[in-house]
Amino acid sequence: MGNFSKEEKYKVLSALETIKGLVDLDEGGRTEDSSTAAAAFRSASNFGPERNQALTFAWAERFSVASNRRAICRFSCRAWYENAVMIYDVDQDYQLMAERGNYARSLEELELRESGVYIVTGWHKNGPPSGRRPWFQSPKRVFVRNESDLVVGFEDAGQDDYDDALVTISFRPL
């Protein structure tokens, strides 16, 4: 990749991974949603609690809110490590809609009344709050996904319980 620094290479590779996760090619090699990919590329390093992380799209869960529905999001954390859950509006160039979590962050319920496409991501530090510790994107597990509910858990330290940060999204009529 030329004479780029290690950090520059990482950012480019992360942006490409994000785009790869967002864009599906049809049989002719054309993208199905190039505007979504362009938005992801523009904001590829604006994720996470410090707004400076690249996104691993495989660890983000995408969901839609229909025009006649609302999404009620409830958050919980069961972790000693610092955790955060972030919800972004895909249709608005990945605008941050909510940041919830443990320690100084609120676990207050969120209601999304705007129809659209969103992603939910989890983030953690390897320990309790400390300005010296970096944030890492947390792997996810979908526990429930149906017409009325979506439950996504995030893992911070490798115990494979995926309950360190949890979001339950209930889809209800307006």
Protein backbone atom coordinates (compact mmCIF):
# COMPACT_ATOMS: atom_id res chain seq x y z
CA MET A 1 0.00 0.00 0.00
CA GLY A 2 2.76 2.44 -0.79
CA ASN A 3 4.53 4.67 1.71
CA PHE A 4 1.63 5.12 4.09
CA SER A 5 1.95 5.00 7.85
CA LYS A 6 0.57 2.02 9.73
CA GLU A 7 -2.33 4.16 10.99
CA GLU A 8 -3.19 5.38 7.46
CA LYS A 9 -3.16 1.79 6.15
CA TYR A 10 -5.43 0.70 9.00
CA LYS A 11 -7.93 3.48 8.26
CA VAL A 12 -8.05 2.64 4.56
CA LEU A 13 -8.44 -1.09 5.19
CA SER A 14 -11.13 -0.44 7.80
CA ALA A 15 -13.00 1.83 5.39
CA LEU A 16 -12.82 -0.83 2.69
CA GLU A 17 -14.08 -3.47 5.13
CA THR A 18 -16.98 -1.20 6.06
CA ILE A 19 -17.89 -0.62 2.43
CA LYS A 20 -17.59 -4.33 1.65
CA GLY A 21 -20.09 -5.04 4.41
CA LEU A 22 -22.55 -2.45 3.12
CA VAL A 23 -22.47 -2.98 -0.62
CA ASP A 24 -23.67 -6.07 -2.41
CA LEU A 25 -22.79 -6.51 -6.05
CA ASP A 26 -25.40 -7.76 -8.45
CA GLU A 27 -24.49 -10.19 -11.24
CA GLY A 28 -23.36 -7.33 -13.48
CA GLY A 29 -20.97 -6.03 -10.82
CA ARG A 30 -23.06 -2.93 -10.07
CA THR A 31 -23.65 -1.83 -6.51
CA GLU A 32 -27.16 -2.05 -5.16
CA ASP A 33 -26.72 0.87 -2.78
CA SER A 34 -23.77 3.07 -3.68
CA SER A 35 -25.11 6.07 -1.70
CA THR A 36 -24.98 4.01 1.51
CA ALA A 37 -21.44 2.92 0.66
CA ALA A 38 -20.39 6.52 -0.02
CA ALA A 39 -21.81 7.65 3.32
CA ALA A 40 -19.99 4.83 5.08
CA PHE A 41 -16.73 5.79 3.39
CA ARG A 42 -17.14 9.46 4.39
CA SER A 43 -17.76 8.51 7.99
CA ALA A 44 -15.54 5.41 8.18
CA SER A 45 -13.53 6.75 11.11
CA ASN A 46 -16.29 8.60 12.99
CA PHE A 47 -17.68 5.74 15.05
CA GLY A 48 -17.40 4.78 18.71
CA PRO A 49 -17.60 6.82 21.90
CA GLU A 50 -14.72 9.08 20.90
CA ARG A 51 -15.99 9.45 17.29
CA ASN A 52 -12.61 8.34 15.92
CA GLN A 53 -12.99 4.60 15.34
CA ALA A 54 -13.50 2.61 12.16
CA LEU A 55 -16.48 0.29 12.07
CA THR A 56 -16.34 -3.47 11.64
CA PHE A 57 -19.70 -3.86 9.94
CA ALA A 58 -19.97 -7.57 10.80
CA TRP A 59 -20.18 -6.51 14.48
CA ALA A 60 -22.95 -3.96 13.83
CA GLU A 61 -26.61 -4.99 13.63
CA ARG A 62 -28.76 -3.28 11.03
CA PHE A 63 -32.50 -2.78 11.61
CA SER A 64 -35.35 -0.87 10.01
CA VAL A 65 -38.25 1.08 11.47
CA ALA A 66 -41.32 1.11 9.19
CA SER A 67 -43.27 4.33 8.63
CA ASN A 68 -46.22 3.10 10.70
CA ARG A 69 -44.06 1.85 13.60
CA ARG A 70 -41.78 3.12 16.34
CA ALA A 71 -38.81 1.41 17.96
CA ILE A 72 -38.46 1.41 21.74
CA CYS A 73 -34.84 0.70 22.70
CA ARG A 74 -33.98 -0.53 26.20
CA PHE A 75 -30.37 -0.87 27.32
CA SER A 76 -28.57 -2.82 30.03
CA CYS A 77 -24.98 -3.57 31.03
CA ARG A 78 -23.61 -6.42 33.15
CA ALA A 79 -19.92 -5.66 33.07
CA TRP A 80 -17.01 -4.43 35.11
CA TYR A 81 -15.38 -3.15 31.92
CA GLU A 82 -16.62 0.16 30.55
CA ASN A 83 -19.19 -0.48 27.79
CA ALA A 84 -21.16 1.71 25.41
CA VAL A 85 -23.93 1.00 22.91
CA MET A 86 -24.34 3.39 19.99
CA ILE A 87 -27.23 3.70 17.53
CA TYR A 88 -26.63 5.41 14.18
CA ASP A 89 -29.10 6.55 11.51
CA VAL A 90 -27.87 5.04 8.22
CA ASP A 91 -30.19 7.26 6.15
CA GLN A 92 -28.66 10.40 7.69
CA ASP A 93 -24.99 9.66 6.89
CA TYR A 94 -24.62 7.60 10.08
CA GLN A 95 -25.71 10.39 12.41
CA LEU A 96 -25.40 9.30 16.03
CA MET A 97 -28.88 8.87 17.54
CA ALA A 98 -27.96 7.50 20.96
CA GLU A 99 -25.03 6.60 23.18
CA ARG A 100 -25.86 4.52 26.22
CA GLY A 101 -23.79 2.44 28.62
CA ASN A 102 -22.50 1.81 32.10
CA TYR A 103 -20.54 4.01 34.54
CA ALA A 104 -21.09 7.69 33.57
CA ARG A 105 -23.35 6.84 30.61
CA SER A 106 -27.10 6.62 30.95
CA LEU A 107 -29.13 3.48 30.28
CA GLU A 108 -32.20 5.62 29.57
CA GLU A 109 -34.75 4.21 27.15
CA LEU A 110 -34.77 5.61 23.61
CA GLU A 111 -37.76 5.87 21.28
CA LEU A 112 -37.14 6.10 17.53
CA ARG A 113 -40.25 7.49 15.82
CA GLU A 114 -38.65 8.20 12.43
CA SER A 115 -38.89 5.50 9.80
CA GLY A 116 -35.55 4.48 8.38
CA VAL A 117 -32.55 2.22 8.63
CA TYR A 118 -30.33 2.17 11.71
CA ILE A 119 -27.35 0.25 13.03
CA VAL A 120 -26.54 -0.60 16.63
CA THR A 121 -22.94 -1.13 17.74
CA GLY A 122 -21.23 -2.05 21.00
CA TRP A 123 -17.90 -0.71 22.29
CA HIS A 124 -15.74 -1.48 25.32
CA LYS A 125 -12.52 -0.66 27.11
CA ASN A 126 -10.41 -3.43 28.63
CA GLY A 127 -11.17 -2.34 32.18
CA PRO A 128 -13.13 0.28 34.09
CA PRO A 129 -13.16 3.91 32.90
CA SER A 130 -9.73 5.32 32.15
CA GLY A 131 -8.73 8.01 29.70
CA ARG A 132 -5.58 6.01 28.93
CA ARG A 133 -7.47 2.95 27.69
CA PRO A 134 -8.60 2.79 24.06
CA TRP A 135 -12.08 1.80 22.91
CA PHE A 136 -12.63 -1.39 20.94
CA GLN A 137 -15.68 -2.43 18.96
CA SER A 138 -17.42 -5.36 20.65
CA PRO A 139 -18.52 -8.48 18.80
CA LYS A 140 -22.28 -9.01 18.74
CA ARG A 141 -24.76 -11.83 19.00
CA VAL A 142 -28.40 -11.58 17.94
CA PHE A 143 -30.56 -13.42 20.47
CA VAL A 144 -34.00 -12.57 19.03
CA ARG A 145 -34.99 -11.14 15.66
CA ASN A 146 -38.63 -11.10 14.53
CA GLU A 147 -41.32 -8.59 13.47
CA SER A 148 -41.81 -7.24 16.98
CA ASP A 149 -38.44 -7.57 18.73
CA LEU A 150 -34.70 -7.46 18.22
CA VAL A 151 -32.31 -8.36 21.05
CA VAL A 152 -28.58 -7.82 20.47
CA GLY A 153 -25.84 -8.56 23.00
CA PHE A 154 -22.22 -7.43 22.93
CA GLU A 155 -19.13 -9.15 24.36
CA ASP A 156 -16.24 -7.28 25.97
CA ALA A 157 -13.79 -9.83 27.34
CA GLY A 158 -14.18 -13.21 25.74
CA GLN A 159 -16.49 -15.05 28.17
CA ASP A 160 -18.90 -15.57 25.25
CA ASP A 161 -21.96 -14.58 27.29
CA TYR A 162 -22.75 -11.53 25.13
CA ASP A 163 -24.50 -9.76 28.00
CA ASP A 164 -21.87 -7.15 28.82
CA ALA A 165 -23.98 -4.62 26.93
CA LEU A 166 -27.44 -5.51 25.69
CA VAL A 167 -30.10 -3.66 23.69
CA THR A 168 -33.69 -4.82 23.36
CA ILE A 169 -35.57 -3.10 20.55
CA SER A 170 -39.36 -3.47 20.49
CA PHE A 171 -41.20 -2.47 17.32
CA ARG A 172 -44.68 -1.11 18.10
CA PRO A 173 -47.44 0.70 16.18
CA LEU A 174 -47.39 4.50 16.30
